[in-house]
């Protein structure tokens, strides 16, 4: 069973930046597409970004394009989310997740296609 541990969240002013990290246990990290989701209070969990197993392809929610960048380091079993130009509406708990199937980028924007989740890290953006 893979373990995913997020870090890097915190309180930042609007317009600021944060970089989230997600460290994965196990030896098969490089075989899976990884994603970031977020959930604000009273709202459903929403897709933020995803990156394929090799790092060759990335996907973003429209509202994050140009502000957020997902990347990964397979040698370190870690996926990152660089968040710039943060807005108060970006306030949420951010979760990283691993796709349920290896070498798959099918339906990456759907939370149901991910089989493993981290515990989340809080990001709060003040106005």
Foldseek 3Di string as FASTA:
>chain_A
DKAKAKDWADEEAAQAKIKMKIAIDDLCLLFWKKFKWWDDPPDDIWGAKIAGSPRPDMDGDPVQPPFWDWGDDSVRRMIMIIGGRDDQVVWTWMKMFTFPDTRDPPPVGDPVRTDDIHPTDTHGYHD
